[in-house]
Amino acid sequence: MNKLARGLAALSGAFAVAAACLALPAHAGDAFPSKPIRIIVPVAAGGTVDLVARLVAKGLSEDLRQSVIVENKPGASGLLGTREVARAAPDGYTLLAVANTFVSAPQFVPDAGYDPLADFAPVTQTCQIPMVLVAHPSVPQRTVRALIERARAHPGEVSFASSGVGSTGYIAAELFSKQAGIRMLSVSYKGNSQALTDLVGGQVMIMFDQVSTSGTYVKAGKLNAIGVTTSTRSKLLPDVPTIAEAGLPGFEDDTFNAILAPAGTPAAVVARLHDAIAQVLRRPETVAVLARQGIEVQPSASPEAFGAMLKRAVDKYRSIDKETARSGS
């Protein structure tokens, strides 16, 4: 072999090695997942976040042909499990299932330990859940307008229950108070179920809660539904008006659930997860199971679209007067 031939052969070999190296990331992405995936739920089992996460995990296990395990890691109002995922390897094998509290907590809880935008890669929203303003039957005000009038006439008298500062119910109440120009008394509990129990027992007057958990009490006559927080009526409570149409025009506060990965997770892996989760959510059986709970399946169009939605949510929560919120208005 002459020098020219040997040179061409060496050059050809170099190109082959380079091509193989360039092909490695794509091959690695195509191989995902090659081991079990964990979905961390930072709250106790039995709630909406847990229910949706388990439905997603079951579907992903079947579609990806890989084990997908849900791990409940409650503590510190969801902060412990959330921090764990923020520190996890950004490889797509540790995911986080959350609700609105994920976005709102850092705005109201000092030293939350994570940034919802900087520390996570958005994968997809999974669903939206209308919230409903419910009252104990002993509360004579049965409309949004009447409740606002009472709160204006007697500042701090109307008490509302929630699972703590930064929780979805707390934020809804603060947004309601801010927009209506009223001041209510915040009564915080360690969990949503405890808050709901005391509301049903008459220890507090009202509560903003998901229709998936309060709907049963409303239908049983144990609570009165005054209005839903979404821009349209809930399919689970079709006779209950929206708060906007019942006396507070423009009011809207949706509760969403979502799946995220640690920041730095490769875009190809995030896209793979997004598409797989969206496919699971669109299954007729998944839609039917969640619809019975008043939960509306709404996967994001893309990870980028979900990221933009998260940014809007952060901006909304930052708009609330933090000093007012922390004072337990």
Protein backbone atom coordinates (compact mmCIF):
# COMPACT_ATOMS: atom_id res chain seq x y z
CA MET A 1 0.00 0.00 0.00
CA ASN A 2 1.49 3.38 -1.02
CA LYS A 3 1.61 6.42 1.21
CA LEU A 4 -1.48 7.98 -0.39
CA ALA A 5 -3.51 4.82 0.11
CA ARG A 6 -2.35 4.50 3.70
CA GLY A 7 -3.21 8.15 4.33
CA LEU A 8 -6.69 7.75 2.89
CA ALA A 9 -7.22 4.61 4.95
CA ALA A 10 -6.12 6.38 8.12
CA LEU A 11 -8.36 9.35 7.32
CA SER A 12 -11.27 7.05 6.62
CA GLY A 13 -10.70 5.34 9.94
CA ALA A 14 -10.63 8.67 11.74
CA PHE A 15 -13.93 9.68 10.15
CA ALA A 16 -15.44 6.36 11.18
CA VAL A 17 -14.38 6.86 14.80
CA ALA A 18 -15.70 10.43 14.79
CA ALA A 19 -18.99 9.30 13.29
CA ALA A 20 -19.33 6.61 15.93
CA CYS A 21 -18.68 9.14 18.70
CA LEU A 22 -21.24 11.54 17.27
CA ALA A 23 -23.76 8.71 17.10
CA LEU A 24 -23.36 7.84 20.79
CA PRO A 25 -25.70 10.51 22.25
CA ALA A 26 -28.46 9.60 19.83
CA HIS A 27 -28.00 5.92 20.60
CA ALA A 28 -28.04 6.64 24.33
CA GLY A 29 -31.21 8.68 23.95
CA ASP A 30 -32.85 5.94 21.91
CA ALA A 31 -32.02 3.44 24.66
CA PHE A 32 -33.89 5.42 27.34
CA PRO A 33 -35.13 4.01 29.60
CA SER A 34 -32.73 1.17 30.32
CA LYS A 35 -33.52 0.85 34.04
CA PRO A 36 -36.45 1.53 36.42
CA ILE A 37 -37.83 5.06 36.71
CA ARG A 38 -38.91 6.59 40.03
CA ILE A 39 -41.70 9.12 40.37
CA ILE A 40 -41.41 10.92 43.69
CA VAL A 41 -44.71 12.14 45.15
CA PRO A 42 -43.81 14.64 47.90
CA VAL A 43 -47.13 14.20 49.72
CA ALA A 44 -48.92 11.32 51.42
CA ALA A 45 -50.67 8.61 49.43
CA GLY A 46 -54.35 8.96 48.65
CA GLY A 47 -54.55 12.48 47.26
CA THR A 48 -54.98 13.70 43.71
CA VAL A 49 -51.25 14.03 43.01
CA ASP A 50 -50.72 10.45 44.14
CA LEU A 51 -53.67 9.14 42.10
CA VAL A 52 -52.52 10.78 38.88
CA ALA A 53 -48.89 9.74 39.43
CA ARG A 54 -49.91 6.09 39.87
CA LEU A 55 -52.03 6.12 36.72
CA VAL A 56 -49.12 7.64 34.80
CA ALA A 57 -46.66 5.13 36.27
CA LYS A 58 -48.84 2.16 35.34
CA GLY A 59 -49.23 3.36 31.76
CA LEU A 60 -45.55 4.22 31.36
CA SER A 61 -44.53 0.77 32.64
CA GLU A 62 -46.61 -0.81 29.92
CA ASP A 63 -45.60 1.55 27.11
CA LEU A 64 -41.90 1.89 27.92
CA ARG A 65 -41.54 -1.76 28.98
CA GLN A 66 -39.66 -0.68 32.05
CA SER A 67 -40.62 -0.54 35.72
CA VAL A 68 -41.94 2.85 36.86
CA ILE A 69 -42.21 3.08 40.64
CA VAL A 70 -44.12 5.69 42.66
CA GLU A 71 -42.51 6.64 45.97
CA ASN A 72 -44.39 8.81 48.47
CA LYS A 73 -42.00 11.04 50.40
CA PRO A 74 -44.13 13.49 52.40
CA GLY A 75 -42.75 16.02 54.82
CA ALA A 76 -42.45 19.77 55.34
CA SER A 77 -45.50 20.46 53.15
CA GLY A 78 -43.97 18.64 50.20
CA LEU A 79 -40.57 20.31 50.43
CA LEU A 80 -38.55 17.22 51.41
CA GLY A 81 -39.44 15.11 48.39
CA THR A 82 -39.14 18.09 46.08
CA ARG A 83 -35.63 18.89 47.29
CA GLU A 84 -34.59 15.26 46.80
CA VAL A 85 -35.55 15.37 43.13
CA ALA A 86 -33.84 18.74 42.67
CA ARG A 87 -30.60 17.09 43.83
CA ALA A 88 -31.07 13.87 41.84
CA ALA A 89 -29.03 12.92 38.80
CA PRO A 90 -30.40 14.68 35.69
CA ASP A 91 -30.84 11.50 33.67
CA GLY A 92 -34.62 11.09 33.52
CA TYR A 93 -34.77 8.24 36.01
CA THR A 94 -36.00 10.34 38.94
CA LEU A 95 -39.11 12.43 38.34
CA LEU A 96 -41.33 14.62 40.51
CA ALA A 97 -45.13 14.66 40.57
CA VAL A 98 -46.55 17.93 41.89
CA ALA A 99 -49.48 20.30 42.18
CA ASN A 100 -49.57 24.12 42.35
CA THR A 101 -47.91 24.08 45.76
CA PHE A 102 -44.65 23.29 43.99
CA VAL A 103 -44.73 26.76 42.43
CA SER A 104 -46.28 28.71 45.27
CA ALA A 105 -44.31 27.36 48.25
CA PRO A 106 -41.01 29.13 47.47
CA GLN A 107 -42.88 32.43 47.25
CA PHE A 108 -44.28 32.14 50.79
CA VAL A 109 -42.10 29.69 52.72
CA PRO A 110 -38.69 31.03 53.77
CA ASP A 111 -35.81 28.75 52.79
CA ALA A 112 -37.96 26.41 50.71
CA GLY A 113 -34.74 24.96 49.35
CA TYR A 114 -35.45 25.00 45.62
CA ASP A 115 -36.33 27.26 42.71
CA PRO A 116 -39.21 25.91 40.60
CA LEU A 117 -37.76 27.39 37.41
CA ALA A 118 -34.00 27.03 37.88
CA ASP A 119 -33.82 23.62 39.58
CA PHE A 120 -36.18 21.60 37.38
CA ALA A 121 -36.73 20.66 33.75
CA PRO A 122 -40.46 20.92 32.92
CA VAL A 123 -41.83 17.74 31.35
CA THR A 124 -45.59 18.19 31.16
CA GLN A 125 -48.72 19.26 32.93
CA THR A 126 -50.91 16.22 33.52
CA CYS A 127 -54.29 17.64 34.45
CA GLN A 128 -56.29 20.54 35.81
CA ILE A 129 -58.62 20.28 38.77
CA PRO A 130 -61.29 22.90 39.45
CA MET A 131 -61.38 24.18 43.00
CA VAL A 132 -64.61 25.02 44.76
CA LEU A 133 -65.36 27.50 47.51
CA VAL A 134 -67.30 25.47 50.07
CA ALA A 135 -68.93 26.54 53.32
CA HIS A 136 -70.29 24.79 56.39
CA PRO A 137 -74.13 24.68 56.29
CA SER A 138 -74.26 26.95 59.35
CA VAL A 139 -72.86 29.83 57.28
CA PRO A 140 -75.97 31.77 56.14
CA GLN A 141 -74.29 33.36 53.13
CA ARG A 142 -74.90 31.07 50.15
CA THR A 143 -73.51 33.25 47.34
CA VAL A 144 -70.14 34.79 46.51
CA ARG A 145 -71.58 38.29 46.65
CA ALA A 146 -73.17 37.75 50.07
CA LEU A 147 -69.98 36.24 51.49
CA ILE A 148 -67.91 39.20 50.28
CA GLU A 149 -70.39 41.66 51.81
CA ARG A 150 -70.14 39.91 55.18
CA ALA A 151 -66.34 39.89 55.06
CA ARG A 152 -66.26 43.58 54.21
CA ALA A 153 -68.64 44.41 57.04
CA HIS A 154 -66.73 42.26 59.55
CA PRO A 155 -63.00 42.15 58.67
CA GLY A 156 -61.22 39.05 59.97
CA GLU A 157 -64.44 37.32 61.03
CA VAL A 158 -64.81 34.89 58.12
CA SER A 159 -62.42 32.00 58.77
CA PHE A 160 -60.98 29.82 56.03
CA ALA A 161 -59.21 26.47 56.39
CA SER A 162 -56.18 25.36 54.41
CA SER A 163 -53.26 22.97 54.63
CA GLY A 164 -50.87 25.83 55.30
CA VAL A 165 -49.20 28.90 53.87
CA GLY A 166 -48.42 28.38 50.20
CA SER A 167 -50.89 25.52 49.71
CA THR A 168 -53.33 25.61 46.81
CA GLY A 169 -56.31 26.36 49.07
CA TYR A 170 -54.40 29.09 50.90
CA ILE A 171 -53.33 30.78 47.67
CA ALA A 172 -56.87 30.65 46.27
CA ALA A 173 -58.18 32.31 49.44
CA GLU A 174 -55.49 35.00 49.29
CA LEU A 175 -56.22 35.73 45.63
CA PHE A 176 -59.93 35.88 46.44
CA SER A 177 -59.32 38.25 49.36
CA LYS A 178 -57.01 40.49 47.36
CA GLN A 179 -59.38 40.78 44.42
CA ALA A 180 -62.47 41.28 46.60
CA GLY A 181 -60.75 43.78 48.87
CA ILE A 182 -61.53 41.85 52.05
CA ARG A 183 -59.62 40.38 55.01
CA MET A 184 -60.33 36.85 56.26
CA LEU A 185 -58.93 34.75 59.11
CA SER A 186 -56.54 31.97 58.02
CA VAL A 187 -56.68 28.68 59.96
CA SER A 188 -53.85 26.34 58.92
CA TYR A 189 -53.73 22.55 59.29
CA LYS A 190 -51.01 19.94 58.77
CA GLY A 191 -52.91 18.40 55.89
CA ASN A 192 -55.86 18.99 53.57
CA SER A 193 -57.86 16.09 55.01
CA GLN A 194 -57.63 17.58 58.52
CA ALA A 195 -58.75 20.95 57.23
CA LEU A 196 -61.69 19.40 55.43
CA THR A 197 -62.66 17.39 58.53
CA ASP A 198 -62.83 20.54 60.66
CA LEU A 199 -64.79 22.35 57.97
CA VAL A 200 -67.37 19.57 57.89
CA GLY A 201 -67.40 19.67 61.70
CA GLY A 202 -68.10 23.41 61.75
CA GLN A 203 -64.83 24.51 63.39
CA VAL A 204 -64.13 26.82 60.42
CA MET A 205 -66.49 28.56 58.04
CA ILE A 206 -65.20 28.16 54.49
CA MET A 207 -62.48 26.52 52.43
CA PHE A 208 -61.15 26.51 48.88
CA ASP A 209 -60.76 22.85 48.00
CA GLN A 210 -60.49 20.64 44.93
CA VAL A 211 -63.81 19.38 43.61
CA SER A 212 -62.30 15.89 43.58
CA THR A 213 -62.28 15.85 47.39
CA SER A 214 -65.10 18.24 48.36
CA GLY A 215 -67.57 17.13 45.71
CA THR A 216 -68.70 14.12 47.75
CA TYR A 217 -69.49 16.28 50.79
CA VAL A 218 -71.40 18.76 48.64
CA LYS A 219 -73.52 16.02 47.09
CA ALA A 220 -74.19 14.57 50.55
CA GLY A 221 -75.38 17.95 51.83
CA LYS A 222 -72.56 18.24 54.39
CA LEU A 223 -71.11 21.32 52.69
CA ASN A 224 -72.55 24.10 50.55
CA ALA A 225 -70.80 24.89 47.27
CA ILE A 226 -70.67 28.64 46.67
CA GLY A 227 -68.61 28.84 43.48
CA VAL A 228 -65.86 27.16 41.47
CA THR A 229 -62.56 28.90 40.79
CA THR A 230 -62.23 28.08 37.10
CA SER A 231 -63.43 30.17 34.16
CA THR A 232 -66.01 27.50 33.28
CA ARG A 233 -68.23 25.37 35.48
CA SER A 234 -67.07 22.00 36.75
CA LYS A 235 -68.50 18.91 35.09
CA LEU A 236 -68.67 17.31 38.53
CA LEU A 237 -70.75 20.21 39.96
CA PRO A 238 -72.52 21.64 36.88
CA ASP A 239 -75.09 23.58 38.91
CA VAL A 240 -72.48 25.53 40.86
CA PRO A 241 -71.60 28.88 39.25
CA THR A 242 -68.07 30.11 38.74
CA ILE A 243 -66.89 32.69 41.25
CA ALA A 244 -66.46 35.11 38.35
CA GLU A 245 -70.09 34.85 37.29
CA ALA A 246 -71.38 34.78 40.87
CA GLY A 247 -70.00 38.07 42.11
CA LEU A 248 -66.25 38.51 41.50
CA PRO A 249 -65.70 39.17 37.78
CA GLY A 250 -62.34 38.09 36.41
CA PHE A 251 -61.50 35.72 39.26
CA GLU A 252 -59.83 32.50 38.14
CA ASP A 253 -57.49 30.07 39.87
CA ASP A 254 -56.82 26.65 38.36
CA THR A 255 -55.13 23.83 40.19
CA PHE A 256 -52.78 21.81 38.03
CA ASN A 257 -50.77 18.63 38.47
CA ALA A 258 -47.52 18.06 36.60
CA ILE A 259 -44.39 15.97 36.12
CA LEU A 260 -40.87 17.45 36.24
CA ALA A 261 -37.29 16.21 36.07
CA PRO A 262 -34.10 17.64 37.60
CA ALA A 263 -32.57 20.60 35.76
CA GLY A 264 -30.02 19.49 33.19
CA THR A 265 -31.91 16.41 32.05
CA PRO A 266 -31.15 15.94 28.33
CA ALA A 267 -33.76 17.49 26.04
CA ALA A 268 -34.16 14.21 24.15
CA VAL A 269 -35.00 12.36 27.36
CA VAL A 270 -37.45 15.09 28.46
CA ALA A 271 -39.16 14.94 25.06
CA ARG A 272 -39.39 11.14 25.27
CA LEU A 273 -40.98 11.35 28.70
CA HIS A 274 -43.37 14.11 27.63
CA ASP A 275 -44.64 12.15 24.63
CA ALA A 276 -45.00 8.92 26.59
CA ILE A 277 -46.86 10.57 29.49
CA ALA A 278 -49.17 12.47 27.11
CA GLN A 279 -50.01 9.21 25.37
CA VAL A 280 -50.89 7.56 28.68
CA LEU A 281 -53.06 10.51 29.73
CA ARG A 282 -55.02 10.46 26.49
CA ARG A 283 -56.05 6.84 26.90
CA PRO A 284 -59.86 6.62 27.20
CA GLU A 285 -59.59 4.57 30.40
CA THR A 286 -57.31 7.18 32.01
CA VAL A 287 -59.63 10.02 31.02
CA ALA A 288 -62.64 8.11 32.39
CA VAL A 289 -61.03 7.33 35.77
CA LEU A 290 -60.00 10.93 36.33
CA ALA A 291 -63.26 12.40 35.04
CA ARG A 292 -65.15 10.55 37.76
CA GLN A 293 -63.09 12.56 40.26
CA GLY A 294 -63.75 15.86 38.49
CA ILE A 295 -60.19 15.88 37.15
CA GLU A 296 -59.66 17.11 33.59
CA VAL A 297 -56.78 15.56 31.63
CA GLN A 298 -54.68 18.33 30.04
CA PRO A 299 -51.15 17.34 28.98
CA SER A 300 -49.00 20.22 27.74
CA ALA A 301 -48.39 20.58 24.02
CA SER A 302 -44.64 20.39 24.66
CA PRO A 303 -42.12 20.72 27.51
CA GLU A 304 -41.48 24.29 26.32
CA ALA A 305 -45.18 25.14 26.54
CA PHE A 306 -45.31 23.75 30.06
CA GLY A 307 -42.22 25.76 31.00
CA ALA A 308 -43.91 28.95 29.82
CA MET A 309 -46.99 28.08 31.88
CA LEU A 310 -44.83 27.55 34.97
CA LYS A 311 -43.27 30.98 34.46
CA ARG A 312 -46.71 32.59 34.33
CA ALA A 313 -47.73 30.75 37.50
CA VAL A 314 -44.62 31.96 39.35
CA ASP A 315 -45.35 35.54 38.27
CA LYS A 316 -48.95 35.23 39.46
CA TYR A 317 -48.00 34.03 42.92
CA ARG A 318 -45.35 36.72 43.24
CA SER A 319 -48.07 39.29 42.65
CA ILE A 320 -49.67 38.47 46.00
CA ASP A 321 -48.62 40.75 48.83
CA LYS A 322 -46.23 38.45 50.72
CA GLU A 323 -46.41 40.41 53.93
CA THR A 324 -50.18 40.13 53.93
CA ALA A 325 -50.00 36.43 53.16
CA ARG A 326 -47.47 35.68 55.91
CA SER A 327 -49.47 37.62 58.47
CA GLY A 328 -52.27 35.09 58.04
CA SER A 329 -54.77 37.65 56.83
